[in-house]
Amino acid sequence: MKLKKIVGLPAIVSARNRIVIDKGLRKLYGIQENDTVRMRRDKNLLYINPAEELRSFEVKEISIGRFNLPMDWATENHVEIGDCVYLVATTNGIIICPKGTDFMCLEEVLPK
């Protein structure tokens, strides 16, 4: 087995720590252009999920596809205007991670 690096979809951070969540990614999760989602923090990652039943997650708004990153999260993770954060699609929702975060997976090498 070999390790493979997972690279997320880059999103540029604009004024007020705002990013645009890609239309295709939003469509994958049924998130509308103007919608309410649930957000949870775990260390340096943000988890975004459209599910209403996740009561332990903080309620956040998406407006015209834009999502505001929490200011304290951006500061803690040295995210500045003009930087990229990376969006990773998972079975449990979207993970937003700052630059320098690596995700690895195992690749099974099959005989030819």
Protein backbone atom coordinates (compact mmCIF):
# COMPACT_ATOMS: atom_id res chain seq x y z
CA MET A 1 0.00 0.00 0.00
CA LYS A 2 1.13 3.53 -0.75
CA LEU A 3 0.19 6.81 0.89
CA LYS A 4 -1.55 9.34 -1.36
CA LYS A 5 -2.06 13.00 -0.49
CA ILE A 6 -5.61 14.35 -0.70
CA VAL A 7 -5.75 17.90 -2.06
CA GLY A 8 -8.86 19.94 -1.38
CA LEU A 9 -10.55 22.47 -3.64
CA PRO A 10 -8.91 25.87 -3.02
CA ALA A 11 -11.07 28.80 -1.95
CA ILE A 12 -9.55 32.30 -1.80
CA VAL A 13 -10.16 34.22 1.42
CA SER A 14 -11.53 37.70 0.71
CA ALA A 15 -12.46 40.67 2.88
CA ARG A 16 -14.12 39.80 6.19
CA ASN A 17 -12.63 36.29 5.97
CA ARG A 18 -15.20 35.29 3.39
CA ILE A 19 -14.91 32.38 0.96
CA VAL A 20 -17.11 31.20 -1.88
CA ILE A 21 -18.16 27.58 -1.58
CA ASP A 22 -18.05 26.12 -5.09
CA LYS A 23 -21.47 25.67 -6.72
CA GLY A 24 -20.76 22.03 -7.62
CA LEU A 25 -19.70 21.26 -4.06
CA ARG A 26 -22.81 22.95 -2.66
CA LYS A 27 -24.98 21.00 -5.10
CA LEU A 28 -23.38 17.73 -3.96
CA TYR A 29 -24.73 18.38 -0.44
CA GLY A 30 -27.99 20.07 -1.41
CA ILE A 31 -26.85 23.45 -0.08
CA GLN A 32 -28.58 26.34 -1.82
CA GLU A 33 -26.95 29.63 -2.84
CA ASN A 34 -28.68 31.26 0.14
CA ASP A 35 -29.01 28.70 2.89
CA THR A 36 -28.42 27.80 6.52
CA VAL A 37 -25.80 25.17 7.40
CA ARG A 38 -24.33 23.71 10.56
CA MET A 39 -20.67 24.25 11.45
CA ARG A 40 -18.46 22.49 13.97
CA ARG A 41 -14.82 23.17 14.86
CA ASP A 42 -12.32 20.46 15.60
CA LYS A 43 -8.76 21.65 16.20
CA ASN A 44 -7.81 23.54 13.03
CA LEU A 45 -10.67 22.19 10.89
CA LEU A 46 -14.19 23.45 10.22
CA TYR A 47 -16.92 20.95 9.38
CA ILE A 48 -19.91 22.19 7.34
CA ASN A 49 -23.06 20.11 7.06
CA PRO A 50 -26.56 20.98 5.82
CA ALA A 51 -28.28 18.60 8.24
CA GLU A 52 -30.83 20.18 10.56
CA GLU A 53 -30.57 17.39 13.15
CA LEU A 54 -26.99 18.30 14.14
CA ARG A 55 -27.94 20.41 17.14
CA SER A 56 -24.41 20.45 18.58
CA PHE A 57 -23.19 22.31 15.48
CA GLU A 58 -23.31 26.11 15.27
CA VAL A 59 -25.81 27.59 12.80
CA LYS A 60 -24.18 29.61 9.99
CA GLU A 61 -25.57 31.38 6.94
CA ILE A 62 -24.48 31.10 3.32
CA SER A 63 -25.31 34.17 1.26
CA ILE A 64 -24.90 34.15 -2.53
CA GLY A 65 -22.67 31.09 -2.08
CA ARG A 66 -20.40 32.96 0.32
CA PHE A 67 -19.45 31.71 3.78
CA ASN A 68 -17.78 33.77 6.50
CA LEU A 69 -14.96 31.99 8.28
CA PRO A 70 -14.97 32.62 12.03
CA MET A 71 -12.56 35.48 12.77
CA ASP A 72 -10.95 33.74 15.74
CA TRP A 73 -10.48 30.53 13.70
CA ALA A 74 -8.80 32.53 10.91
CA THR A 75 -6.51 34.28 13.41
CA GLU A 76 -5.59 31.04 15.22
CA ASN A 77 -4.76 29.38 11.91
CA HIS A 78 -2.88 32.37 10.43
CA VAL A 79 -5.39 32.69 7.58
CA GLU A 80 -5.19 36.10 5.95
CA ILE A 81 -7.00 37.87 3.13
CA GLY A 82 -5.66 36.52 -0.18
CA ASP A 83 -4.72 33.12 1.28
CA CYS A 84 -6.41 29.91 0.22
CA VAL A 85 -8.24 27.51 2.46
CA TYR A 86 -9.09 24.09 1.12
CA LEU A 87 -12.50 22.43 0.88
CA VAL A 88 -12.59 18.64 1.14
CA ALA A 89 -15.77 16.71 0.31
CA THR A 90 -16.48 13.80 2.66
CA THR A 91 -19.40 11.49 3.35
CA ASN A 92 -20.17 13.62 6.42
CA GLY A 93 -20.03 17.06 4.78
CA ILE A 94 -17.44 19.63 3.77
CA ILE A 95 -14.21 20.06 5.70
CA ILE A 96 -12.55 23.49 5.51
CA CYS A 97 -8.86 23.40 6.33
CA PRO A 98 -6.15 26.08 6.36
CA LYS A 99 -3.04 25.96 4.22
CA GLY A 100 -0.47 23.49 5.44
CA THR A 101 -3.03 20.86 6.47
CA ASP A 102 -2.33 17.48 4.91
CA PHE A 103 -4.78 14.63 4.49
CA MET A 104 -3.43 11.23 3.55
CA CYS A 105 -5.11 8.02 2.46
CA LEU A 106 -3.89 4.54 1.74
CA GLU A 107 -3.87 3.39 -1.86
CA GLU A 108 -4.00 -0.32 -2.40
CA VAL A 109 -1.67 -1.34 -5.20
CA LEU A 110 -3.36 -4.09 -7.21
CA PRO A 111 -1.36 -6.52 -9.32
CA LYS A 112 -1.67 -6.03 -13.08
